[in-house]
Amino acid sequence: MAFATRRFVRAASSAAATAAAKKLIVKHVTVIGGGLMGAGIAQVAAASGHTVVLVDQSDEILKKSTKGIEESLKRVTKKKFADKPEAGAEFIEKTLKNLTTSTDAVAVVHSTDLVIEAIVENLEVKNELFKTLDKFAPEYVRTIFASNTSSLQITQLANSTTRQDRFGGLHFFNPVPMMKLVEVIKTPMTSQKTFESLLDFSKAVGKSPVSCKDTPGFIVNRLLVPYMMEAVRLFERGDASKEDIDVAMKLGAGYPMGPFELLDYVGLDTSKYIIDGWHSLEPNNPLFAPSPLLNKLVEEKKLGKKTGEGFYKYK
C-alpha cells in the first residue's frame, strides 16, 4: 500500500510539474498604445526586467512617450534611491535598455509572449487591431493577447480573434507606476494556463492582482462609475451642490477626491462613453441610466481637466 501511495505521489508530482512547465512565463512584452496608460505599463514592465516594445502610429508620439517614461523614472528613483543616486541612475539606464519602440505592431508580434493593448476606448478600433494581429500571428500559439480596457467586454474583444483561450483582461490603473492594483479578467473561454500567466506577470511587475469575471466595469469601475453618476443625479435634482458633495465624500468617506473632481480628472467624455455602453447592455438597470447634465457638458466640449473646464474650471 505504501509503495502504491508513493507511486501515486510521484505521478501526481510529475503531472503538476508538466502543467507548470506548460504555463507561459512572460519575458517579452509588446504594449500597443503610447499614451499615459500604455507608457506606464511599458515602464513598469521594463523596470521589472522584461524586454518591452512600445508601439504607436508615429515616431513623434513614441518620442514623447519615451521622454515621459524617462521623466517618470527620475521621479521614482528620486524617492527610491534617495541615498544612492548612482544606483538610481543605473536603474534608469537598465530600464531604458529594456525598452524599444516601433510603429509596426505586426512586425513585433511574432517575437512576443504577451501583447497588451492600451489604445482608444472604442470597441470597433480595438477589434480591428486584434483581428490584424491575430491574422499575422496565428502560428505563434504561445502569444497571449490582453486588453487594458476599463469598460468594454473582454469576451467581445476575444471573439475578434482565433485565440479566445489565450485572451484576457489586464486592467491597470492610472498612474501605472504608482497604483498597485491590476484587475485580471478571465472570460469563459480564457484557459487556466493563460489566466495564471497573467496573474504571474502582474505580480512580476510589482502589482497586486485581483481576479474578476467579465462583468461590466469589472470590480473598481463597476462600483465607482455608478457612484459618480449618482453624485451627478444628486446635483441635478438640486439636493446638494457639487462642492458640498465633493467635500462630504472626502471628509466623510475618506476619499482622496470628490466624485465631481474625479469625473473631471477621468474625463467627462470617457465617463459618458462608459455609462452609455453599459446602458445599451442593460437599459433597464437604473445604475446605468444616462445623465442629461453629463451629456450637455460633453456636447459643449467641457470634458474636464484636459479641456480646462468640466464640472469645474481649471487654469
Protein backbone atom coordinates (compact mmCIF):
# COMPACT_ATOMS: atom_id res chain seq x y z
CA MET A 1 0.00 0.00 0.00
CA ALA A 2 2.82 2.38 0.92
CA PHE A 3 4.53 1.57 -2.40
CA ALA A 4 1.33 2.31 -4.32
CA THR A 5 0.93 5.56 -2.41
CA ARG A 6 4.49 6.61 -3.25
CA ARG A 7 3.87 5.83 -6.92
CA PHE A 8 0.68 7.93 -6.82
CA VAL A 9 2.50 10.86 -5.20
CA ARG A 10 5.32 10.65 -7.76
CA ALA A 11 2.80 10.53 -10.60
CA ALA A 12 0.86 13.49 -9.20
CA SER A 13 4.08 15.46 -8.73
CA SER A 14 5.13 14.69 -12.28
CA ALA A 15 1.75 15.81 -13.64
CA ALA A 16 1.97 19.04 -11.63
CA ALA A 17 5.48 19.68 -12.94
CA THR A 18 4.32 19.12 -16.52
CA ALA A 19 1.40 21.53 -16.04
CA ALA A 20 3.73 24.14 -14.53
CA ALA A 21 6.14 23.73 -17.44
CA LYS A 22 3.34 24.46 -19.89
CA LYS A 23 2.44 27.71 -18.16
CA LEU A 24 3.88 30.64 -20.11
CA ILE A 25 6.46 32.72 -18.26
CA VAL A 26 6.24 36.17 -19.80
CA LYS A 27 9.62 37.66 -20.68
CA HIS A 28 8.93 39.64 -23.86
CA VAL A 29 6.08 42.17 -23.84
CA THR A 30 4.56 44.32 -26.58
CA VAL A 31 2.48 47.30 -25.44
CA ILE A 32 0.32 48.88 -28.12
CA GLY A 33 -0.57 52.49 -27.39
CA GLY A 34 1.91 55.17 -26.32
CA GLY A 35 -0.49 57.26 -24.23
CA LEU A 36 -0.31 57.65 -20.46
CA MET A 37 -1.58 54.13 -19.76
CA GLY A 38 0.48 52.37 -22.41
CA ALA A 39 3.66 54.23 -21.48
CA GLY A 40 3.06 53.47 -17.81
CA ILE A 41 2.58 49.77 -18.49
CA ALA A 42 5.72 49.72 -20.65
CA GLN A 43 7.66 51.45 -17.86
CA VAL A 44 6.75 49.00 -15.07
CA ALA A 45 7.34 46.01 -17.37
CA ALA A 46 10.79 47.28 -18.43
CA ALA A 47 11.69 48.26 -14.85
CA SER A 48 10.96 44.69 -13.70
CA GLY A 49 13.36 43.13 -16.21
CA HIS A 50 11.04 42.37 -19.15
CA THR A 51 12.07 43.29 -22.66
CA VAL A 52 9.42 45.66 -23.94
CA VAL A 53 8.43 47.06 -27.32
CA LEU A 54 6.16 50.10 -27.14
CA VAL A 55 4.11 50.55 -30.31
CA ASP A 56 2.22 53.56 -31.66
CA GLN A 57 1.38 55.13 -35.00
CA SER A 58 4.21 57.66 -35.25
CA ASP A 59 7.79 58.18 -34.10
CA GLU A 60 6.73 61.59 -32.77
CA ILE A 61 4.25 60.02 -30.34
CA LEU A 62 6.81 57.41 -29.30
CA LYS A 63 9.48 60.04 -28.64
CA LYS A 64 7.04 61.87 -26.40
CA SER A 65 6.15 58.58 -24.64
CA THR A 66 9.81 57.68 -24.08
CA LYS A 67 10.55 61.14 -22.72
CA GLY A 68 7.60 60.79 -20.35
CA ILE A 69 8.84 57.38 -19.17
CA GLU A 70 12.31 58.79 -18.52
CA GLU A 71 10.89 61.68 -16.50
CA SER A 72 8.68 59.30 -14.54
CA LEU A 73 11.66 57.05 -13.79
CA LYS A 74 13.58 60.05 -12.47
CA ARG A 75 10.73 60.84 -10.09
CA VAL A 76 10.54 57.23 -8.94
CA THR A 77 14.30 56.91 -8.37
CA LYS A 78 14.45 60.22 -6.51
CA LYS A 79 12.36 58.60 -3.79
CA LYS A 80 13.51 55.00 -4.10
CA PHE A 81 17.23 55.77 -4.28
CA ALA A 82 17.33 58.98 -2.24
CA ASP A 83 20.56 57.92 -0.50
CA LYS A 84 22.07 56.18 -3.54
CA PRO A 85 21.85 58.46 -6.62
CA GLU A 86 24.35 56.32 -8.55
CA ALA A 87 22.15 53.25 -8.08
CA GLY A 88 19.18 55.32 -9.25
CA ALA A 89 20.98 56.38 -12.43
CA GLU A 90 21.95 52.74 -13.07
CA PHE A 91 18.33 51.64 -12.56
CA ILE A 92 17.09 54.20 -15.11
CA GLU A 93 19.74 53.19 -17.64
CA LYS A 94 18.95 49.49 -17.23
CA THR A 95 15.19 50.09 -17.54
CA LEU A 96 15.56 52.16 -20.71
CA LYS A 97 17.80 49.47 -22.24
CA ASN A 98 14.89 47.03 -21.83
CA LEU A 99 12.63 49.35 -23.82
CA THR A 100 12.45 49.81 -27.60
CA THR A 101 9.80 51.40 -29.79
CA SER A 102 8.16 50.55 -33.09
CA THR A 103 5.44 51.82 -35.42
CA ASP A 104 4.78 48.33 -36.81
CA ALA A 105 2.72 46.16 -34.45
CA VAL A 106 2.57 43.26 -36.92
CA ALA A 107 6.36 43.05 -37.18
CA VAL A 108 6.95 42.77 -33.43
CA VAL A 109 4.06 40.49 -32.50
CA HIS A 110 5.94 37.48 -33.91
CA SER A 111 8.53 37.53 -31.14
CA THR A 112 6.48 38.44 -28.08
CA ASP A 113 5.00 36.44 -25.22
CA LEU A 114 2.32 38.96 -24.29
CA VAL A 115 0.57 41.72 -26.24
CA ILE A 116 -1.12 44.38 -24.08
CA GLU A 117 -3.47 46.71 -25.93
CA ALA A 118 -3.87 50.21 -24.45
CA ILE A 119 -5.38 52.25 -27.28
CA VAL A 120 -8.53 54.37 -27.56
CA GLU A 121 -11.59 53.03 -25.68
CA ASN A 122 -13.54 52.09 -28.80
CA LEU A 123 -14.76 48.56 -29.47
CA GLU A 124 -14.52 48.72 -33.27
CA VAL A 125 -10.99 50.14 -33.24
CA LYS A 126 -9.78 47.58 -30.70
CA ASN A 127 -11.43 44.69 -32.56
CA GLU A 128 -9.80 45.77 -35.82
CA LEU A 129 -6.40 45.85 -34.12
CA PHE A 130 -6.79 42.38 -32.60
CA LYS A 131 -8.09 40.94 -35.90
CA THR A 132 -4.98 42.23 -37.67
CA LEU A 133 -2.58 40.95 -35.00
CA ASP A 134 -4.30 37.58 -34.93
CA LYS A 135 -4.15 37.27 -38.71
CA PHE A 136 -0.39 37.79 -38.79
CA ALA A 137 0.44 35.68 -35.74
CA PRO A 138 -1.78 32.57 -35.94
CA GLU A 139 1.09 30.09 -35.71
CA TYR A 140 2.55 31.66 -32.57
CA VAL A 141 0.32 29.73 -30.22
CA ARG A 142 2.22 30.84 -27.12
CA THR A 143 1.44 34.54 -27.56
CA ILE A 144 -1.20 35.86 -25.14
CA PHE A 145 -3.39 38.83 -26.07
CA ALA A 146 -4.66 41.13 -23.31
CA SER A 147 -6.61 44.39 -23.25
CA ASN A 148 -6.27 47.21 -20.74
CA THR A 149 -9.88 48.30 -21.37
CA SER A 150 -11.70 49.68 -18.36
CA SER A 151 -15.26 49.32 -19.64
CA LEU A 152 -15.56 47.07 -22.71
CA GLN A 153 -16.30 43.36 -22.53
CA ILE A 154 -13.16 41.24 -22.90
CA THR A 155 -15.27 38.49 -24.48
CA GLN A 156 -16.27 40.78 -27.36
CA LEU A 157 -12.61 41.61 -27.98
CA ALA A 158 -11.53 37.97 -27.72
CA ASN A 159 -14.17 36.96 -30.28
CA SER A 160 -12.42 39.08 -32.91
CA THR A 161 -9.53 36.57 -32.78
CA THR A 162 -8.99 32.83 -33.12
CA ARG A 163 -7.22 32.65 -29.73
CA GLN A 164 -10.06 33.07 -27.24
CA ASP A 165 -8.29 30.67 -24.87
CA ARG A 166 -5.19 32.91 -24.93
CA PHE A 167 -7.06 36.16 -24.37
CA GLY A 168 -7.74 38.00 -21.11
CA GLY A 169 -8.00 41.40 -19.50
CA LEU A 170 -5.21 43.28 -17.70
CA HIS A 171 -6.73 46.47 -16.32
CA PHE A 172 -4.03 48.73 -14.87
CA PHE A 173 -4.81 51.98 -13.07
CA ASN A 174 -3.53 55.49 -13.69
CA PRO A 175 -0.80 56.50 -12.94
CA VAL A 176 0.51 52.98 -13.57
CA PRO A 177 3.91 53.36 -11.84
CA MET A 178 2.19 54.44 -8.61
CA MET A 179 -1.03 52.41 -8.50
CA LYS A 180 -0.57 48.91 -7.10
CA LEU A 181 -3.73 47.27 -8.44
CA VAL A 182 -4.28 45.23 -11.60
CA GLU A 183 -7.61 43.60 -12.40
CA VAL A 184 -7.05 40.29 -14.21
CA ILE A 185 -10.14 39.37 -16.22
CA LYS A 186 -11.00 35.82 -17.18
CA THR A 187 -13.64 35.19 -19.84
CA PRO A 188 -15.49 31.85 -20.10
CA MET A 189 -13.00 30.90 -22.86
CA THR A 190 -9.76 32.01 -21.16
CA SER A 191 -7.68 28.94 -20.31
CA GLN A 192 -6.46 28.41 -16.76
CA LYS A 193 -2.89 28.45 -18.09
CA THR A 194 -3.41 31.88 -19.66
CA PHE A 195 -5.12 33.21 -16.53
CA GLU A 196 -2.27 32.05 -14.29
CA SER A 197 0.30 33.52 -16.69
CA LEU A 198 -1.44 36.90 -16.48
CA LEU A 199 -1.56 36.71 -12.68
CA ASP A 200 2.14 35.85 -12.56
CA PHE A 201 3.02 38.70 -14.92
CA SER A 202 1.05 41.17 -12.79
CA LYS A 203 2.98 40.10 -9.69
CA ALA A 204 6.29 40.21 -11.61
CA VAL A 205 5.77 43.90 -12.45
CA GLY A 206 5.20 44.66 -8.77
CA LYS A 207 1.40 44.85 -8.75
CA SER A 208 -1.26 43.23 -6.58
CA PRO A 209 -3.63 41.39 -8.93
CA VAL A 210 -7.30 40.72 -8.22
CA SER A 211 -9.36 38.44 -10.44
CA CYS A 212 -12.81 39.07 -11.83
CA LYS A 213 -15.22 37.59 -14.33
CA ASP A 214 -16.02 39.52 -17.49
CA THR A 215 -18.73 41.71 -15.97
CA PRO A 216 -19.25 45.39 -17.00
CA GLY A 217 -16.65 47.57 -15.31
CA PHE A 218 -15.01 44.59 -13.59
CA ILE A 219 -14.67 45.43 -9.86
CA VAL A 220 -13.46 49.01 -9.40
CA ASN A 221 -15.35 50.77 -12.19
CA ARG A 222 -18.49 48.69 -11.61
CA LEU A 223 -18.65 50.29 -8.16
CA LEU A 224 -17.02 53.64 -8.99
CA VAL A 225 -18.91 54.73 -12.13
CA PRO A 226 -22.45 54.27 -10.68
CA TYR A 227 -21.24 56.13 -7.56
CA MET A 228 -20.09 59.09 -9.69
CA MET A 229 -23.32 59.02 -11.73
CA GLU A 230 -25.43 59.01 -8.57
CA ALA A 231 -23.49 62.09 -7.39
CA VAL A 232 -24.42 63.83 -10.67
CA ARG A 233 -28.10 62.89 -10.20
CA LEU A 234 -27.98 64.23 -6.63
CA PHE A 235 -26.69 67.53 -8.03
CA GLU A 236 -29.19 67.50 -10.94
CA ARG A 237 -32.10 67.19 -8.50
CA GLY A 238 -30.81 70.16 -6.54
CA ASP A 239 -30.36 68.11 -3.36
CA ALA A 240 -26.82 69.45 -2.78
CA SER A 241 -24.16 71.50 -4.53
CA LYS A 242 -21.32 69.75 -6.32
CA GLU A 243 -18.85 71.45 -3.97
CA ASP A 244 -20.65 70.14 -0.87
CA ILE A 245 -20.95 66.65 -2.35
CA ASP A 246 -17.19 66.61 -3.02
CA VAL A 247 -16.36 67.85 0.48
CA ALA A 248 -18.77 65.33 2.04
CA MET A 249 -17.19 62.36 0.29
CA LYS A 250 -13.64 63.50 1.06
CA LEU A 251 -14.20 64.26 4.72
CA GLY A 252 -17.00 61.79 5.44
CA ALA A 253 -15.85 58.78 3.42
CA GLY A 254 -12.11 59.50 3.34
CA TYR A 255 -11.92 59.60 -0.46
CA PRO A 256 -8.90 61.49 -1.88
CA MET A 257 -11.16 63.20 -4.45
CA GLY A 258 -14.83 64.01 -4.55
CA PRO A 259 -16.97 62.47 -7.35
CA PHE A 260 -17.05 65.68 -9.44
CA GLU A 261 -13.31 66.21 -9.08
CA LEU A 262 -12.82 62.59 -10.13
CA LEU A 263 -15.16 62.92 -13.11
CA ASP A 264 -13.17 65.94 -14.33
CA TYR A 265 -9.92 64.03 -13.80
CA VAL A 266 -11.11 60.92 -15.67
CA GLY A 267 -12.73 62.96 -18.47
CA LEU A 268 -16.44 63.53 -18.90
CA ASP A 269 -16.35 62.07 -22.42
CA THR A 270 -14.79 58.87 -21.08
CA SER A 271 -17.37 58.63 -18.30
CA LYS A 272 -20.22 59.21 -20.76
CA TYR A 273 -18.82 56.58 -23.14
CA ILE A 274 -18.69 54.03 -20.31
CA ILE A 275 -22.19 54.68 -18.98
CA ASP A 276 -23.70 54.76 -22.50
CA GLY A 277 -22.12 51.40 -23.27
CA TRP A 278 -23.42 49.83 -20.09
CA HIS A 279 -26.86 51.37 -20.63
CA SER A 280 -27.06 49.75 -24.08
CA LEU A 281 -26.23 46.38 -22.49
CA GLU A 282 -28.70 46.76 -19.60
CA PRO A 283 -31.21 49.50 -20.50
CA ASN A 284 -33.47 48.74 -17.52
CA ASN A 285 -30.70 48.99 -14.92
CA PRO A 286 -31.19 52.33 -13.07
CA LEU A 287 -27.50 52.35 -12.09
CA PHE A 288 -26.62 52.73 -15.78
CA ALA A 289 -29.12 55.49 -16.63
CA PRO A 290 -27.57 58.35 -18.67
CA SER A 291 -27.35 61.86 -17.23
CA PRO A 292 -28.76 64.88 -19.16
CA LEU A 293 -26.25 67.20 -17.45
CA LEU A 294 -23.27 64.99 -18.31
CA ASN A 295 -24.49 64.72 -21.91
CA LYS A 296 -24.84 68.52 -22.12
CA LEU A 297 -21.31 69.17 -20.85
CA VAL A 298 -19.84 66.68 -23.32
CA GLU A 299 -21.79 68.28 -26.19
CA GLU A 300 -20.30 71.64 -25.16
CA LYS A 301 -16.79 70.07 -25.20
CA LYS A 302 -16.41 70.71 -21.47
CA LEU A 303 -14.65 67.44 -20.81
CA GLY A 304 -12.85 68.17 -17.54
CA LYS A 305 -9.24 68.97 -16.75
CA LYS A 306 -7.98 68.15 -20.22
CA THR A 307 -10.09 70.93 -21.80
CA GLY A 308 -9.84 73.39 -18.90
CA GLU A 309 -13.49 73.04 -17.88
CA GLY A 310 -15.89 70.30 -16.84
CA PHE A 311 -17.89 70.47 -13.66
CA TYR A 312 -15.20 72.92 -12.50
CA LYS A 313 -12.98 75.42 -14.32
CA TYR A 314 -9.21 74.93 -14.46
CA LYS A 315 -6.38 77.25 -15.38
